[in-house]
C-alpha atoms as a PDB file:
ATOM      1  CA  MET A   1     -34.699 -36.290  65.039  1.00  0.00           C
ATOM      2  CA  THR A   2     -31.517 -37.926  64.280  1.00  0.00           C
ATOM      3  CA  GLU A   3     -32.234 -41.149  65.725  1.00  0.00           C
ATOM      4  CA  ARG A   4     -32.821 -43.941  63.732  1.00  0.00           C
ATOM      5  CA  LYS A   5     -35.337 -46.337  64.551  1.00  0.00           C
ATOM      6  CA  PRO A   6     -33.856 -49.699  66.106  1.00  0.00           C
ATOM      7  CA  PRO A   7     -34.426 -53.007  63.737  1.00  0.00           C
ATOM      8  CA  GLY A   8     -37.531 -54.942  65.458  1.00  0.00           C
ATOM      9  CA  VAL A   9     -38.884 -52.071  67.235  1.00  0.00           C
ATOM     10  CA  ASP A  10     -42.720 -51.291  66.282  1.00  0.00           C
ATOM     11  CA  PHE A  11     -42.479 -48.118  64.839  1.00  0.00           C
ATOM     12  CA  GLY A  12     -45.816 -46.702  66.706  1.00  0.00           C
ATOM     13  CA  SER A  13     -44.078 -47.319  69.983  1.00  0.00           C
ATOM     14  CA  TRP A  14     -40.837 -46.262  68.771  1.00  0.00           C
ATOM     15  CA  VAL A  15     -42.520 -42.685  68.103  1.00  0.00           C
ATOM     16  CA  ASP A  16     -44.327 -42.556  71.091  1.00  0.00           C
ATOM     17  CA  LYS A  17     -41.497 -42.915  73.154  1.00  0.00           C
ATOM     18  CA  GLN A  18     -39.530 -40.146  71.365  1.00  0.00           C
ATOM     19  CA  ILE A  19     -42.399 -37.956  72.007  1.00  0.00           C
ATOM     20  CA  ARG A  20     -42.821 -39.051  76.054  1.00  0.00           C
ATOM     21  CA  ASP A  21     -38.931 -38.195  76.012  1.00  0.00           C
ATOM     22  CA  ALA A  22     -39.093 -34.799  74.290  1.00  0.00           C
ATOM     23  CA  GLU A  23     -41.875 -33.899  76.925  1.00  0.00           C
ATOM     24  CA  THR A  24     -40.069 -34.615  79.800  1.00  0.00           C
ATOM     25  CA  ARG A  25     -37.074 -32.610  78.601  1.00  0.00           C
ATOM     26  CA  GLY A  26     -39.543 -29.811  78.276  1.00  0.00           C
ATOM     27  CA  GLU A  27     -39.154 -29.406  74.291  1.00  0.00           C
ATOM     28  CA  PHE A  28     -43.008 -28.969  73.886  1.00  0.00           C
ATOM     29  CA  ASP A  29     -43.024 -25.934  76.578  1.00  0.00           C
ATOM     30  CA  ARG A  30     -43.560 -22.775  75.776  1.00  0.00           C
ATOM     31  CA  LEU A  31     -44.560 -23.325  72.078  1.00  0.00           C
ATOM     32  CA  PRO A  32     -46.297 -20.680  70.023  1.00  0.00           C
ATOM     33  CA  GLY A  33     -49.863 -21.118  70.497  1.00  0.00           C
ATOM     34  CA  ALA A  34     -49.881 -23.304  73.257  1.00  0.00           C
ATOM     35  CA  GLY A  35     -53.020 -23.723  75.274  1.00  0.00           C
ATOM     36  CA  LYS A  36     -54.811 -21.710  72.417  1.00  0.00           C
ATOM     37  CA  PRO A  37     -57.663 -23.630  70.491  1.00  0.00           C
ATOM     38  CA  LEU A  38     -56.910 -24.338  66.713  1.00  0.00           C
ATOM     39  CA  PRO A  39     -58.341 -22.469  63.788  1.00  0.00           C
ATOM     40  CA  ALA A  40     -61.880 -22.760  62.930  1.00  0.00           C
ATOM     41  CA  ASP A  41     -60.759 -23.616  59.395  1.00  0.00           C
ATOM     42  CA  VAL A  42     -58.054 -26.527  60.393  1.00  0.00           C
ATOM     43  CA  ASP A  43     -60.189 -29.106  58.749  1.00  0.00           C
ATOM     44  CA  ALA A  44     -60.940 -27.214  55.618  1.00  0.00           C
ATOM     45  CA  ALA A  45     -59.782 -28.442  52.422  1.00  0.00           C
ATOM     46  CA  TYR A  46     -56.332 -27.353  51.405  1.00  0.00           C
ATOM     47  CA  ASP A  47     -56.513 -24.028  49.521  1.00  0.00           C
ATOM     48  CA  GLU A  48     -53.653 -22.158  47.771  1.00  0.00           C
ATOM     49  CA  LEU A  49     -54.782 -18.850  48.353  1.00  0.00           C
ATOM     50  CA  TRP A  50     -55.486 -19.297  52.049  1.00  0.00           C
ATOM     51  CA  TRP A  51     -53.127 -16.445  53.010  1.00  0.00           C
ATOM     52  CA  VAL A  52     -54.750 -13.970  50.695  1.00  0.00           C
ATOM     53  CA  LYS A  53     -58.260 -14.983  52.152  1.00  0.00           C
ATOM     54  CA  ARG A  54     -57.089 -14.445  55.956  1.00  0.00           C
ATOM     55  CA  LYS A  55     -55.636 -11.266  55.065  1.00  0.00           C
ATOM     56  CA  MET A  56     -58.677 -10.085  53.047  1.00  0.00           C
ATOM     57  CA  ALA A  57     -61.057 -10.752  56.096  1.00  0.00           C
ATOM     58  CA  ARG A  58     -58.125  -9.349  58.679  1.00  0.00           C
ATOM     59  CA  GLU A  59     -58.282  -5.861  56.797  1.00  0.00           C
ATOM     60  CA  GLY A  60     -62.268  -5.986  56.337  1.00  0.00           C
ATOM     61  CA  ILE A  61     -61.652  -6.417  52.177  1.00  0.00           C
ATOM     62  CA  SER A  62     -64.206  -7.560  49.830  1.00  0.00           C
ATOM     63  CA  VAL A  63     -64.225  -8.286  46.546  1.00  0.00           C
ATOM     64  CA  LEU A  64     -67.404  -8.541  44.602  1.00  0.00           C
ATOM     65  CA  PRO A  65     -68.353  -8.410  41.075  1.00  0.00           C
ATOM     66  CA  PRO A  66     -69.216  -5.115  40.017  1.00  0.00           C
ATOM     67  CA  THR A  67     -73.204  -5.541  39.543  1.00  0.00           C
ATOM     68  CA  LEU A  68     -73.146  -7.144  43.009  1.00  0.00           C
ATOM     69  CA  ALA A  69     -71.305  -4.035  44.475  1.00  0.00           C
ATOM     70  CA  LEU A  70     -73.703  -1.813  42.947  1.00  0.00           C
ATOM     71  CA  ARG A  71     -76.416  -3.716  44.234  1.00  0.00           C
ATOM     72  CA  LYS A  72     -75.538  -3.347  47.534  1.00  0.00           C
ATOM     73  CA  GLU A  73     -74.216   0.311  46.924  1.00  0.00           C
ATOM     74  CA  ALA A  74     -78.060   1.151  45.580  1.00  0.00           C
ATOM     75  CA  GLU A  75     -79.564  -0.704  48.683  1.00  0.00           C
ATOM     76  CA  ASP A  76     -77.417   1.074  51.045  1.00  0.00           C
ATOM     77  CA  ALA A  77     -78.369   4.420  49.051  1.00  0.00           C
ATOM     78  CA  LEU A  78     -82.054   3.913  49.229  1.00  0.00           C
ATOM     79  CA  LEU A  79     -81.487   3.311  53.170  1.00  0.00           C
ATOM     80  CA  ALA A  80     -79.456   6.429  53.597  1.00  0.00           C
ATOM     81  CA  ALA A  81     -82.431   8.201  51.354  1.00  0.00           C
ATOM     82  CA  TYR A  82     -84.740   7.286  53.879  1.00  0.00           C
ATOM     83  CA  ALA A  83     -82.658   8.601  56.779  1.00  0.00           C
ATOM     84  CA  ALA A  84     -81.770  11.947  55.297  1.00  0.00           C
ATOM     85  CA  PRO A  85     -82.535  15.187  57.114  1.00  0.00           C
ATOM     86  CA  SER A  86     -83.794  16.997  53.984  1.00  0.00           C
ATOM     87  CA  GLU A  87     -85.485  16.423  50.525  1.00  0.00           C
ATOM     88  CA  ARG A  88     -82.778  17.845  48.786  1.00  0.00           C
ATOM     89  CA  ILE A  89     -80.283  15.140  50.117  1.00  0.00           C
ATOM     90  CA  VAL A  90     -82.834  12.503  49.135  1.00  0.00           C
ATOM     91  CA  ARG A  91     -82.854  13.408  45.704  1.00  0.00           C
ATOM     92  CA  LYS A  92     -79.046  13.976  45.666  1.00  0.00           C
ATOM     93  CA  ILE A  93     -78.492  10.308  46.918  1.00  0.00           C
ATOM     94  CA  ILE A  94     -80.872   8.555  44.654  1.00  0.00           C
ATOM     95  CA  THR A  95     -79.632  10.723  41.476  1.00  0.00           C
ATOM     96  CA  GLU A  96     -76.320   9.550  42.087  1.00  0.00           C
ATOM     97  CA  ILE A  97     -77.094   6.179  42.464  1.00  0.00           C
ATOM     98  CA  ASN A  98     -79.307   6.285  39.347  1.00  0.00           C
ATOM     99  CA  ASP A  99     -76.479   7.345  37.208  1.00  0.00           C
ATOM    100  CA  LYS A 100     -74.185   4.477  38.471  1.00  0.00           C
ATOM    101  CA  ILE A 101     -77.158   2.003  37.483  1.00  0.00           C
ATOM    102  CA  ARG A 102     -77.753   3.200  34.443  1.00  0.00           C
ATOM    103  CA  ASP A 103     -74.335   3.208  33.590  1.00  0.00           C
ATOM    104  CA  MET A 104     -74.265  -0.341  34.593  1.00  0.00           C
ATOM    105  CA  MET A 105     -77.485  -1.307  32.644  1.00  0.00           C
ATOM    106  CA  PHE A 106     -75.928   0.374  29.007  1.00  0.00           C
ATOM    107  CA  LYS A 107     -72.734  -1.673  29.077  1.00  0.00           C
ATOM    108  CA  PRO A 108     -72.382  -5.364  29.416  1.00  0.00           C
ATOM    109  CA  PRO A 109     -71.007  -5.898  32.943  1.00  0.00           C
ATOM    110  CA  PRO A 110     -68.793  -8.820  34.032  1.00  0.00           C
ATOM    111  CA  GLY A 111     -70.267 -11.399  36.487  1.00  0.00           C
ATOM    112  CA  PRO A 112     -74.372 -11.948  36.762  1.00  0.00           C
ATOM    113  CA  PRO A 113     -76.914  -9.572  35.980  1.00  0.00           C
ATOM    114  CA  LEU A 114     -77.333  -6.052  37.588  1.00  0.00           C
ATOM    115  CA  GLY A 115     -81.211  -6.947  38.482  1.00  0.00           C
ATOM    116  CA  LYS A 116     -81.839  -3.283  39.150  1.00  0.00           C
ATOM    117  CA  LYS A 117     -83.294  -0.302  37.675  1.00  0.00           C
ATOM    118  CA  PRO A 118     -83.092   3.423  38.513  1.00  0.00           C
ATOM    119  CA  TYR A 119     -85.485   4.606  41.461  1.00  0.00           C
ATOM    120  CA  ASP A 120     -88.320   6.822  40.940  1.00  0.00           C
ATOM    121  CA  VAL A 121     -86.988   9.739  42.752  1.00  0.00           C
ATOM    122  CA  GLU A 122     -90.460  11.163  43.301  1.00  0.00           C
ATOM    123  CA  ASP A 123     -91.460   7.848  44.734  1.00  0.00           C
ATOM    124  CA  VAL A 124     -88.467   7.637  47.254  1.00  0.00           C
ATOM    125  CA  VAL A 125     -89.334  11.258  48.276  1.00  0.00           C
ATOM    126  CA  ARG A 126     -93.019  10.451  48.749  1.00  0.00           C
ATOM    127  CA  GLN A 127     -92.179   7.572  50.759  1.00  0.00           C
ATOM    128  CA  TRP A 128     -89.276   9.700  52.816  1.00  0.00           C
ATOM    129  CA  ARG A 129     -92.086  11.870  53.335  1.00  0.00           C
ATOM    130  CA  GLU A 130     -94.510   9.509  54.758  1.00  0.00           C
ATOM    131  CA  ARG A 131     -91.780   8.097  56.811  1.00  0.00           C
ATOM    132  CA  ARG A 132     -90.960  11.364  58.464  1.00  0.00           C
ATOM    133  CA  ALA A 133     -94.598  11.997  59.183  1.00  0.00           C
ATOM    134  CA  GLY A 134     -94.881   8.713  60.871  1.00  0.00           C
ATOM    135  CA  ARG A 135     -92.522   9.292  63.568  1.00  0.00           C
END
């Protein structure tokens, strides 16, 4: 906009006139995003890392502290063990996750405490057998 506001004209009405003139000239037609809803985070407070968060969400990347990531991995391993086709695979899954839990228990982790202890392999195998028998 190169035109200056004339003296004595109310600023609001002058801006409204500029917008109306641009609309009649078709300057708002075919703008990117026309007719689409505003993004859900339009009212959110400004965040300097908005572009990083948006890219991570778009690519499905999650960054958790190591202890929280291991908690999630341990829960997933237990579910995988319960769904395993053989006792040998149950033992392998639980042994591997127990090794990771023990490693995390014996070195000071960054972030919140792990709050997990190694699973009892025999107890998990017993529960696996009971679940298989119940089907």
